[in-house]
Amino acid sequence: MTLKVQHKRSAVKGKAPLPADLEYGEIAVNYEATDPALYIKDSADAIRKIGNQPAATETVAGIVELATAAETTTGTDATRAVHPAGLKVELDKKANLASPTFTGTPAAPTAAVGTNTTQVATTAFVHAADKWTRTGTTLSPATAGDTIQGNLVPTNGAFGTRNRIINGDMRIDQRNAGASVTVTSGGGYIYATDRFINFNSTGANYTAEQVEDGPAGFYQSTKLTFASAISLTTQNEATYQQIIEGNNLIDLGLGTANALTFTVSFWVKSSFTGTFSIGFANDGGTRAYATTYTINAANTWEYKTVTIPGDTTGTWNRTNGAGLFVRWIIAGGSNFNVSSNNAWETRSGAFNASNGIYGTKAIGSASSIATGSTFFITGVQLEPGTVATPFERRSYGQELALCQRYFESHASSTYPIISCTFDPSPKESYATWSFAVTKRAAPTLAVSSGSWAIAPDTITPGVSSVQFRKADNYFYLNPGSAVTASAEL
C-alpha cells in the first residue's frame, strides 16, 4: 500500500499538533524562531517530530520567507528573499547602463593626470590637467613656460601687439634701402634700419647696413662692421639702441608700485665672443639698469633672453615722448658702468662723466673691438612678463605704418613729387603733403638726395600733413629728389 503524504494544515504557532489534529500521513509545520519543526501522524495514531528546520540565512539552508516591499527597499535583512515584484521596484529607480541620465551630484573615481582611456573624467581630473586658469575675465597660463603646440605663451599682456619693439626683424629701411651708412664718431643718431639708432663716440668710424642674413625664420638683420679697432677706458661708447615711445609702455607701469617685469629676446651673431651689455634707461637717463649676455661661438646665430624687473621709482614718460631706452653697448668705457648689475639705480652725472646719464653698461662687459669685427642682430622683442615668447609676426604693411609714425620719405623720379597750385589772387602757390600715418609729433622736414628746383617760402608741418607756400611763383623739387619727415625720438 502506498503512503500518501500531504501538507494538510499547520499547527498553531509555538505548539506541537495533537493526534486529533492530523489524519494519518498528514504533515504539520510548527514555525517558531526557537523551534521550527515538521510533525507527522503515523499508523499508530502517534505524532512524530521529523526534525527542526532553521530559518535560511546567507550561510545556513532552511526555511525561506519572502521580504515585503518595505524590507526590500531598506535592504538590511539577511534572512528574507526578494521576490521579483519587489526587485523591479528598486531596479526601476536606477539609471540604465546604456545612455544613463543622472540627477543630483554623482561622483566617480578621479583618474591620474595623463590618463587616456574611456574612464569617466571628473571635474577634479579636468582641473588638474588644465593648462589655463581663469580669474574673473582674465585667462592666464597655469604656470610660466606653458606652451601651445610647443610655443611659449605670454605670462602677461595680450597675445597680439605684445612686442613693443618696432621693426625688430629689420625689414624696414626707408632711408637707405639696404645701402651701407657710415656711423661717424660724434655724428649723432644714425639709422641703418628704421627705429634703430647707431650712436658712436669712440673716435673711430664704422658702418651699419641692412643685410640678407638671419637665423631660421628671419630674412634680414642689421650688420655693424668695425674696420678699425676700438679700445675704451673710461669714456665713450659704440651703442645700438631703440627708444620706445611712452604711449606704448603705459601698461608696464614703470615708476609705480605696480611696475611689471618685462622680457627682451633677440638673435645675435658676431665674429667676436665674450660678455656684452644690454641696458635700459628712462628719458633723461636718470634711472638705469644693465645686465649681461654672452656670445659663445663666433659667427653663429645665438638666441638670447633677459628678464628685467619693472622699476618702481623714478620719472617715466607716458605720453608721446621717450619712454624707454633699450641699449646694446657693443663697447663702452667704465664711466657708463652701472654701480651693480641687475638692479635699477639713479644716475645724476653728465654724459661721458662718472655716474653719467644713460649709464647702461654692465660691469664686466666689453670695452674693446678688434679690427674687422662684425656684429649682426635681428628678431628683437620686448614684452611684458617673465617668458620670452616666439617673435610676434606683423605684416609688412603693419610694420611700415608703425615705422612711418616716426619717419616717412617721398622721392621724386621723372616729375616732382610735390607740385603746387598757383592762386593768381593773392599771387601765391601752395601744396599739401598728407602723411601716410599720423606722426608722433610735428616732424622736421628735410630734402635728401637732391634739392628744390624752386623752394617754397614757408613750410608748416603738422602731425597729419605739411603745408608749403610761396609768393609770386611756383615751387617744386628737382627730379630724383626726396623729401623726408622725421618725428623720431
Protein backbone atom coordinates (compact mmCIF):
# COMPACT_ATOMS: atom_id res chain seq x y z
CA MET A 1 0.00 0.00 0.00
CA THR A 2 1.39 3.42 -1.00
CA LEU A 3 1.63 6.03 1.72
CA LYS A 4 0.17 9.33 0.67
CA VAL A 5 1.87 12.32 2.38
CA GLN A 6 0.29 15.70 2.16
CA HIS A 7 0.52 19.03 3.97
CA LYS A 8 -2.98 19.49 5.24
CA ARG A 9 -2.59 22.32 7.69
CA SER A 10 -0.14 23.91 10.08
CA ALA A 11 -0.20 23.65 13.79
CA VAL A 12 -0.72 26.63 16.00
CA LYS A 13 2.45 28.68 16.21
CA GLY A 14 4.59 27.55 19.10
CA LYS A 15 2.57 24.35 19.79
CA ALA A 16 3.05 20.79 18.55
CA PRO A 17 -0.07 19.24 16.95
CA LEU A 18 -2.26 16.76 18.80
CA PRO A 19 -3.19 13.36 17.32
CA ALA A 20 -6.69 14.61 16.78
CA ASP A 21 -5.32 17.50 14.69
CA LEU A 22 -3.95 15.29 11.93
CA GLU A 23 -5.05 12.40 9.81
CA TYR A 24 -2.76 9.54 9.02
CA GLY A 25 0.01 10.75 6.66
CA GLU A 26 -0.62 14.44 7.14
CA ILE A 27 2.26 16.86 7.96
CA ALA A 28 2.09 19.87 10.24
CA VAL A 29 4.57 22.70 10.42
CA ASN A 30 5.25 24.47 13.66
CA TYR A 31 7.18 27.60 12.61
CA GLU A 32 8.73 29.29 15.51
CA ALA A 33 12.05 31.01 15.53
CA THR A 34 13.19 28.99 18.54
CA ASP A 35 11.80 25.62 17.44
CA PRO A 36 10.95 25.33 13.75
CA ALA A 37 9.90 21.66 13.10
CA LEU A 38 7.82 19.25 11.00
CA TYR A 39 5.31 16.80 12.59
CA ILE A 40 3.61 13.71 11.08
CA LYS A 41 0.90 11.31 12.33
CA ASP A 42 1.98 7.73 11.95
CA SER A 43 -0.12 4.50 11.64
CA ALA A 44 -0.13 4.05 15.39
CA ASP A 45 -2.06 7.28 15.71
CA ALA A 46 1.01 8.93 17.25
CA ILE A 47 2.55 12.31 16.41
CA ARG A 48 6.18 12.12 15.40
CA LYS A 49 8.57 15.11 15.14
CA ILE A 50 10.55 14.82 11.93
CA GLY A 51 13.18 17.48 12.75
CA ASN A 52 13.99 21.15 13.23
CA GLN A 53 14.25 23.34 10.08
CA PRO A 54 16.12 26.57 10.81
CA ALA A 55 15.42 29.89 9.11
CA ALA A 56 17.52 30.31 5.96
CA THR A 57 20.49 32.74 6.07
CA GLU A 58 23.40 33.55 3.79
CA THR A 59 25.27 30.55 5.24
CA VAL A 60 22.52 28.19 6.53
CA ALA A 61 19.94 26.30 4.46
CA GLY A 62 16.48 26.43 5.92
CA ILE A 63 13.03 27.87 5.70
CA VAL A 64 12.87 30.94 3.43
CA GLU A 65 10.50 33.85 3.96
CA LEU A 66 9.84 36.48 1.25
CA ALA A 67 10.63 40.11 2.06
CA THR A 68 8.00 42.81 1.85
CA ALA A 69 8.44 45.82 -0.46
CA ALA A 70 9.49 47.97 2.51
CA GLU A 71 12.04 45.36 3.61
CA THR A 72 13.37 45.18 0.06
CA THR A 73 13.87 49.00 0.00
CA THR A 74 15.55 49.02 3.40
CA GLY A 75 17.94 46.31 2.26
CA THR A 76 19.17 45.33 5.76
CA ASP A 77 17.53 41.89 6.24
CA ALA A 78 19.79 38.93 5.61
CA THR A 79 17.17 36.11 6.03
CA ARG A 80 14.30 37.03 3.75
CA ALA A 81 14.33 36.54 -0.02
CA VAL A 82 13.49 39.27 -2.54
CA HIS A 83 10.67 38.44 -4.85
CA PRO A 84 10.53 39.70 -8.50
CA ALA A 85 7.98 42.46 -7.89
CA GLY A 86 10.00 44.00 -5.05
CA LEU A 87 13.22 43.74 -7.03
CA LYS A 88 11.71 45.51 -10.05
CA VAL A 89 10.59 48.44 -7.90
CA GLU A 90 14.19 49.03 -6.85
CA LEU A 91 15.74 48.44 -10.28
CA ASP A 92 13.37 50.97 -11.82
CA LYS A 93 15.00 53.62 -9.64
CA LYS A 94 18.44 53.04 -11.18
CA ALA A 95 19.98 54.56 -14.34
CA ASN A 96 20.25 52.46 -17.47
CA LEU A 97 23.68 51.16 -18.41
CA ALA A 98 23.17 52.47 -21.95
CA SER A 99 22.95 56.29 -22.11
CA PRO A 100 22.13 56.80 -18.41
CA THR A 101 20.61 60.06 -17.17
CA PHE A 102 21.96 61.20 -13.80
CA THR A 103 20.41 63.55 -11.27
CA GLY A 104 21.85 65.14 -8.16
CA THR A 105 25.63 65.24 -7.79
CA PRO A 106 27.07 61.91 -8.93
CA ALA A 107 30.69 61.16 -8.07
CA ALA A 108 33.30 58.96 -9.70
CA PRO A 109 36.95 57.99 -9.08
CA THR A 110 39.46 60.59 -10.33
CA ALA A 111 41.99 59.29 -12.85
CA ALA A 112 45.67 60.25 -12.75
CA VAL A 113 46.74 63.22 -14.91
CA GLY A 114 47.63 61.98 -18.38
CA THR A 115 45.18 59.06 -18.35
CA ASN A 116 43.86 58.46 -21.86
CA THR A 117 41.14 55.79 -21.60
CA THR A 118 37.34 55.57 -21.66
CA GLN A 119 37.26 56.17 -17.90
CA VAL A 120 34.92 58.96 -16.78
CA ALA A 121 36.75 62.31 -16.39
CA THR A 122 35.77 64.04 -13.14
CA THR A 123 35.93 67.79 -12.64
CA ALA A 124 39.00 67.21 -10.45
CA PHE A 125 40.74 65.40 -13.34
CA VAL A 126 39.91 68.20 -15.81
CA HIS A 127 41.13 70.91 -13.43
CA ALA A 128 44.40 69.09 -12.74
CA ALA A 129 45.04 68.67 -16.48
CA ASP A 130 44.06 72.26 -17.37
CA LYS A 131 46.96 74.48 -18.50
CA TRP A 132 44.96 77.68 -18.04
CA THR A 133 43.41 79.43 -15.07
CA ARG A 134 40.63 82.00 -15.07
CA THR A 135 40.38 84.87 -12.61
CA GLY A 136 37.28 86.88 -13.37
CA THR A 137 37.56 87.70 -17.07
CA THR A 138 41.32 87.07 -17.19
CA LEU A 139 42.57 83.82 -18.75
CA SER A 140 46.19 83.01 -17.93
CA PRO A 141 48.57 80.07 -18.41
CA ALA A 142 48.66 78.00 -15.23
CA THR A 143 52.45 78.22 -14.98
CA ALA A 144 55.21 80.17 -16.67
CA GLY A 145 56.57 78.14 -19.53
CA ASP A 146 53.29 76.62 -20.67
CA THR A 147 53.12 76.11 -24.41
CA ILE A 148 50.71 75.92 -27.31
CA GLN A 149 51.96 73.47 -29.95
CA GLY A 150 55.41 73.73 -28.42
CA ASN A 151 55.48 77.54 -28.32
CA LEU A 152 55.66 79.50 -25.10
CA VAL A 153 52.68 81.71 -24.32
CA PRO A 154 52.75 85.10 -22.58
CA THR A 155 52.50 85.32 -18.80
CA ASN A 156 51.39 88.96 -19.07
CA GLY A 157 49.87 91.09 -21.81
CA ALA A 158 47.87 90.30 -24.90
CA PHE A 159 48.69 87.63 -27.48
CA GLY A 160 48.74 90.31 -30.20
CA THR A 161 50.65 93.63 -30.13
CA ARG A 162 52.78 92.39 -27.24
CA ASN A 163 56.11 93.33 -28.87
CA ARG A 164 56.94 96.94 -28.02
CA ILE A 165 59.96 96.97 -30.32
CA ILE A 166 59.17 98.26 -33.81
CA ASN A 167 60.92 96.72 -36.84
CA GLY A 168 62.51 94.05 -34.67
CA ASP A 169 63.10 91.83 -37.72
CA MET A 170 64.89 94.70 -39.53
CA ARG A 171 62.63 94.54 -42.61
CA ILE A 172 62.02 98.28 -42.98
CA ASP A 173 64.77 100.58 -44.25
CA GLN A 174 63.11 103.70 -45.66
CA ARG A 175 66.23 105.86 -45.55
CA ASN A 176 68.84 103.67 -47.21
CA ALA A 177 67.10 100.77 -49.00
CA GLY A 178 69.82 98.44 -47.72
CA ALA A 179 72.76 100.68 -48.56
CA SER A 180 75.58 100.87 -46.02
CA VAL A 181 75.85 104.03 -43.92
CA THR A 182 78.85 105.35 -42.01
CA VAL A 183 78.36 105.62 -38.27
CA THR A 184 80.54 108.65 -37.76
CA SER A 185 82.03 109.21 -34.33
CA GLY A 186 80.31 112.28 -32.91
CA GLY A 187 77.78 112.22 -35.77
CA GLY A 188 74.73 111.89 -33.54
CA TYR A 189 71.92 109.41 -34.16
CA ILE A 190 72.44 107.44 -37.38
CA TYR A 191 69.83 105.00 -38.73
CA ALA A 192 70.58 101.95 -40.86
CA THR A 193 67.17 100.28 -40.43
CA ASP A 194 64.07 102.12 -39.23
CA ARG A 195 63.69 102.85 -35.49
CA PHE A 196 67.13 101.51 -34.57
CA ILE A 197 69.78 104.08 -33.73
CA ASN A 198 73.54 103.78 -34.04
CA PHE A 199 75.42 106.07 -31.66
CA ASN A 200 79.20 106.35 -31.79
CA SER A 201 81.50 108.45 -29.64
CA THR A 202 84.54 106.17 -29.81
CA GLY A 203 86.71 108.24 -32.16
CA ALA A 204 86.65 105.54 -34.86
CA ASN A 205 84.03 105.31 -37.59
CA TYR A 206 82.28 102.07 -38.53
CA THR A 207 79.44 101.09 -40.86
CA ALA A 208 75.90 99.81 -40.44
CA GLU A 209 73.56 98.26 -43.01
CA GLN A 210 70.52 96.09 -43.56
CA VAL A 211 71.66 92.70 -44.89
CA GLU A 212 70.02 89.48 -46.02
CA ASP A 213 71.32 87.30 -43.22
CA GLY A 214 69.40 85.81 -40.32
CA PRO A 215 68.58 82.69 -38.32
CA ALA A 216 65.74 80.37 -39.34
CA GLY A 217 62.53 82.35 -39.69
CA PHE A 218 64.29 85.67 -40.32
CA TYR A 219 65.44 87.05 -43.66
CA GLN A 220 67.18 90.29 -42.70
CA SER A 221 69.32 91.74 -39.93
CA THR A 222 71.39 94.81 -39.17
CA LYS A 223 75.13 94.34 -39.62
CA LEU A 224 77.81 96.51 -37.99
CA THR A 225 81.34 96.34 -39.43
CA PHE A 226 84.26 97.75 -37.48
CA ALA A 227 87.05 98.49 -39.93
CA SER A 228 89.20 99.97 -37.18
CA ALA A 229 89.93 98.72 -33.68
CA ILE A 230 88.21 100.36 -30.73
CA SER A 231 89.63 100.33 -27.21
CA LEU A 232 87.96 102.40 -24.49
CA THR A 233 88.94 103.06 -20.89
CA THR A 234 86.61 105.48 -19.09
CA GLN A 235 84.73 107.44 -21.73
CA ASN A 236 82.72 106.93 -24.91
CA GLU A 237 80.67 104.08 -26.36
CA ALA A 238 79.56 102.27 -29.50
CA THR A 239 75.86 101.62 -28.98
CA TYR A 240 72.92 100.18 -30.89
CA GLN A 241 69.58 101.20 -29.42
CA GLN A 242 65.85 101.78 -29.83
CA ILE A 243 63.84 104.38 -27.94
CA ILE A 244 60.28 103.22 -27.21
CA GLU A 245 57.54 105.82 -27.08
CA GLY A 246 55.94 106.37 -23.67
CA ASN A 247 52.46 105.77 -25.07
CA ASN A 248 53.46 102.20 -25.86
CA LEU A 249 54.60 101.39 -22.32
CA ILE A 250 51.69 102.59 -20.18
CA ASP A 251 50.65 99.07 -19.15
CA LEU A 252 54.17 98.34 -17.82
CA GLY A 253 53.52 100.87 -15.05
CA LEU A 254 57.17 101.92 -14.81
CA GLY A 255 57.78 104.25 -11.90
CA THR A 256 54.82 102.86 -9.92
CA ALA A 257 54.38 100.20 -7.25
CA ASN A 258 52.64 98.06 -9.88
CA ALA A 259 55.52 98.08 -12.39
CA LEU A 260 55.59 94.91 -14.48
CA THR A 261 58.53 92.66 -15.19
CA PHE A 262 59.39 92.57 -18.89
CA THR A 263 61.49 90.28 -21.08
CA VAL A 264 63.72 91.11 -24.04
CA SER A 265 64.71 88.46 -26.58
CA PHE A 266 66.87 88.73 -29.70
CA TRP A 267 69.13 86.86 -32.10
CA VAL A 268 72.78 87.88 -32.36
CA LYS A 269 75.80 86.80 -34.40
CA SER A 270 79.28 88.19 -34.02
CA SER A 271 82.82 87.48 -35.14
CA PHE A 272 83.98 88.07 -31.56
CA THR A 273 82.82 86.27 -28.44
CA GLY A 274 82.57 87.25 -24.79
CA THR A 275 80.35 89.09 -22.34
CA PHE A 276 78.29 92.01 -23.61
CA SER A 277 75.91 94.54 -22.12
CA ILE A 278 72.26 95.34 -22.66
CA GLY A 279 70.91 98.27 -20.69
CA PHE A 280 67.75 100.27 -20.09
CA ALA A 281 67.09 103.87 -19.12
CA ASN A 282 64.29 106.39 -18.77
CA ASP A 283 64.02 109.68 -20.68
CA GLY A 284 66.91 111.79 -19.40
CA GLY A 285 68.90 108.73 -18.32
CA THR A 286 68.37 109.32 -14.59
CA ARG A 287 67.16 105.74 -13.97
CA ALA A 288 69.25 102.94 -15.41
CA TYR A 289 69.60 99.16 -15.38
CA ALA A 290 72.16 96.89 -17.05
CA THR A 291 72.72 93.17 -17.37
CA THR A 292 74.89 90.90 -19.47
CA TYR A 293 74.52 88.28 -22.16
CA THR A 294 77.21 86.02 -23.59
CA ILE A 295 78.15 85.30 -27.18
CA ASN A 296 79.55 81.78 -27.02
CA ALA A 297 80.53 80.91 -30.61
CA ALA A 298 81.92 83.19 -33.29
CA ASN A 299 79.91 83.77 -36.48
CA THR A 300 76.97 81.70 -35.21
CA TRP A 301 73.40 82.87 -34.69
CA GLU A 302 72.51 82.60 -30.99
CA TYR A 303 69.22 83.33 -29.24
CA LYS A 304 69.39 85.50 -26.10
CA THR A 305 66.81 86.45 -23.48
CA VAL A 306 66.96 88.77 -20.47
CA THR A 307 64.20 89.41 -17.93
CA ILE A 308 64.06 92.81 -16.23
CA PRO A 309 62.10 93.71 -13.08
CA GLY A 310 59.90 96.77 -13.54
CA ASP A 311 61.31 99.95 -12.00
CA THR A 312 59.03 101.13 -9.19
CA THR A 313 60.59 104.61 -8.81
CA GLY A 314 61.82 107.44 -10.99
CA THR A 315 60.08 109.59 -13.59
CA TRP A 316 58.84 107.77 -16.69
CA ASN A 317 57.21 109.30 -19.76
CA ARG A 318 53.69 108.07 -20.53
CA THR A 319 52.92 110.34 -23.49
CA ASN A 320 54.44 110.67 -26.97
CA GLY A 321 57.92 111.35 -25.64
CA ALA A 322 60.81 108.96 -25.00
CA GLY A 323 59.60 106.21 -22.68
CA LEU A 324 62.34 103.56 -22.51
CA PHE A 325 65.85 103.38 -23.98
CA VAL A 326 66.89 99.82 -24.90
CA ARG A 327 70.67 99.89 -25.47
CA TRP A 328 73.12 97.25 -26.72
CA ILE A 329 76.55 98.67 -25.81
CA ILE A 330 78.92 96.87 -28.14
CA ALA A 331 81.86 98.51 -26.37
CA GLY A 332 81.97 101.22 -23.73
CA GLY A 333 84.17 102.95 -21.16
CA SER A 334 83.84 102.45 -17.44
CA ASN A 335 82.03 105.78 -16.93
CA PHE A 336 78.99 104.06 -18.44
CA ASN A 337 79.13 101.18 -15.94
CA VAL A 338 76.24 100.77 -13.53
CA SER A 339 77.07 100.52 -9.83
CA SER A 340 75.72 96.96 -9.71
CA ASN A 341 74.48 94.67 -12.45
CA ASN A 342 70.85 93.56 -12.42
CA ALA A 343 69.49 96.44 -10.32
CA TRP A 344 67.79 99.74 -11.08
CA GLU A 345 69.75 102.80 -9.95
CA THR A 346 69.73 106.59 -10.13
CA ARG A 347 72.21 108.39 -12.42
CA SER A 348 73.00 112.06 -11.96
CA GLY A 349 76.21 112.91 -13.83
CA ALA A 350 76.70 114.36 -17.32
CA PHE A 351 77.11 112.22 -20.41
CA ASN A 352 80.57 110.60 -20.59
CA ALA A 353 81.28 111.56 -16.97
CA SER A 354 81.49 109.24 -14.00
CA ASN A 355 77.94 108.20 -12.98
CA GLY A 356 76.90 109.77 -16.29
CA ILE A 357 73.39 109.75 -17.69
CA TYR A 358 72.48 106.77 -19.87
CA GLY A 359 74.98 104.75 -17.85
CA THR A 360 73.64 101.43 -19.05
CA LYS A 361 76.83 99.37 -19.38
CA ALA A 362 77.05 96.20 -17.31
CA ILE A 363 80.10 95.61 -15.18
CA GLY A 364 82.40 93.09 -16.83
CA SER A 365 81.16 93.70 -20.38
CA ALA A 366 83.26 94.50 -23.45
CA SER A 367 85.28 97.72 -23.75
CA SER A 368 87.13 96.96 -26.97
CA ILE A 369 86.51 95.72 -30.51
CA ALA A 370 89.16 94.22 -32.80
CA THR A 371 89.80 95.40 -36.35
CA GLY A 372 87.48 93.79 -38.90
CA SER A 373 84.92 92.64 -36.35
CA THR A 374 81.27 92.22 -37.31
CA PHE A 375 78.08 92.24 -35.25
CA PHE A 376 74.62 91.16 -36.51
CA ILE A 377 71.27 91.48 -34.71
CA THR A 378 67.63 90.67 -35.53
CA GLY A 379 64.42 89.23 -34.04
CA VAL A 380 64.30 91.81 -31.26
CA GLN A 381 61.26 91.64 -28.96
CA LEU A 382 60.34 93.37 -25.69
CA GLU A 383 57.16 92.15 -23.98
CA PRO A 384 55.53 92.16 -20.53
CA GLY A 385 56.07 89.07 -18.41
CA THR A 386 58.78 86.63 -17.47
CA VAL A 387 58.62 84.43 -20.57
CA ALA A 388 60.21 85.12 -23.95
CA THR A 389 57.52 84.04 -26.42
CA PRO A 390 58.01 83.44 -30.16
CA PHE A 391 58.69 86.58 -32.19
CA GLU A 392 55.47 88.41 -32.95
CA ARG A 393 54.93 88.45 -36.72
CA ARG A 394 53.26 91.51 -38.22
CA SER A 395 52.50 92.10 -41.87
CA TYR A 396 54.85 94.31 -43.88
CA GLY A 397 52.13 96.96 -44.14
CA GLN A 398 51.61 96.99 -40.37
CA GLU A 399 55.34 97.25 -39.67
CA LEU A 400 55.80 100.00 -42.26
CA ALA A 401 52.93 102.00 -40.77
CA LEU A 402 54.43 101.69 -37.29
CA CYS A 403 57.74 102.98 -38.63
CA GLN A 404 56.08 105.84 -40.53
CA ARG A 405 54.74 107.29 -37.28
CA TYR A 406 58.36 108.35 -36.75
CA PHE A 407 59.76 108.74 -40.26
CA GLU A 408 58.36 108.97 -43.77
CA SER A 409 60.05 109.61 -47.10
CA HIS A 410 58.72 110.61 -50.52
CA ALA A 411 61.02 110.60 -53.51
CA SER A 412 60.50 112.14 -56.95
CA SER A 413 61.51 110.47 -60.20
CA THR A 414 60.76 111.98 -63.62
CA TYR A 415 58.37 114.54 -62.20
CA PRO A 416 58.49 116.37 -58.87
CA ILE A 417 56.55 114.54 -56.20
CA ILE A 418 55.41 117.74 -54.53
CA SER A 419 53.70 120.02 -57.04
CA CYS A 420 51.80 123.17 -56.26
CA THR A 421 48.73 125.09 -57.26
CA PHE A 422 49.10 128.78 -58.20
CA ASP A 423 46.48 131.19 -56.99
CA PRO A 424 46.54 134.42 -59.07
CA SER A 425 44.99 136.26 -56.20
CA PRO A 426 46.82 136.84 -53.90
CA LYS A 427 49.54 135.56 -56.29
CA GLU A 428 50.91 132.62 -54.34
CA SER A 429 51.37 128.91 -54.85
CA TYR A 430 50.60 126.27 -52.25
CA ALA A 431 50.65 122.48 -51.75
CA THR A 432 49.84 119.92 -49.07
CA TRP A 433 51.66 116.71 -48.37
CA SER A 434 49.33 114.40 -46.43
CA PHE A 435 51.23 111.83 -44.44
CA ALA A 436 50.53 108.12 -44.77
CA VAL A 437 50.40 107.86 -40.97
CA THR A 438 49.79 110.42 -38.25
CA LYS A 439 53.16 111.38 -36.84
CA ARG A 440 54.21 111.13 -33.20
CA ALA A 441 54.73 114.91 -33.25
CA ALA A 442 55.04 117.64 -35.88
CA PRO A 443 58.02 116.35 -37.90
CA THR A 444 61.20 118.01 -39.10
CA LEU A 445 61.34 118.18 -42.91
CA ALA A 446 64.46 117.79 -44.98
CA VAL A 447 65.36 117.29 -48.63
CA SER A 448 67.71 114.38 -49.19
CA SER A 449 69.49 113.11 -52.32
CA GLY A 450 68.50 116.18 -54.32
CA SER A 451 67.21 119.70 -53.94
CA TRP A 452 64.38 122.09 -54.59
CA ALA A 453 64.33 123.47 -58.09
CA ILE A 454 62.41 126.40 -56.65
CA ALA A 455 61.97 126.28 -52.88
CA PRO A 456 58.80 127.35 -51.06
CA ASP A 457 58.89 130.39 -48.80
CA THR A 458 57.24 128.67 -45.85
CA ILE A 459 56.91 125.06 -44.74
CA THR A 460 54.41 124.39 -41.93
CA PRO A 461 54.42 120.80 -40.66
CA GLY A 462 51.66 119.20 -38.59
CA VAL A 463 51.15 115.67 -37.36
CA SER A 464 48.89 114.75 -40.30
CA SER A 465 50.27 116.87 -43.15
CA VAL A 466 52.64 119.66 -44.09
CA GLN A 467 51.77 122.92 -45.88
CA PHE A 468 54.06 124.56 -48.47
CA ARG A 469 53.59 128.15 -49.70
CA LYS A 470 55.46 130.58 -51.97
CA ALA A 471 54.58 134.09 -53.01
CA ASP A 472 54.58 135.19 -56.66
CA ASN A 473 55.91 131.93 -58.07
CA TYR A 474 55.66 128.15 -58.27
CA PHE A 475 57.88 125.79 -56.26
CA TYR A 476 58.88 122.19 -56.91
CA LEU A 477 61.54 119.54 -56.34
CA ASN A 478 64.10 118.53 -58.90
CA PRO A 479 63.52 115.02 -60.34
CA GLY A 480 65.19 112.35 -58.25
CA SER A 481 64.96 114.38 -55.08
CA ALA A 482 63.38 113.15 -51.86
CA VAL A 483 61.74 114.98 -49.01
CA THR A 484 61.58 113.34 -45.58
CA ALA A 485 59.55 113.96 -42.46
CA SER A 486 61.14 112.82 -39.20
CA ALA A 487 59.41 112.64 -35.82
CA GLU A 488 61.98 110.31 -34.28
CA LEU A 489 62.54 110.33 -30.54
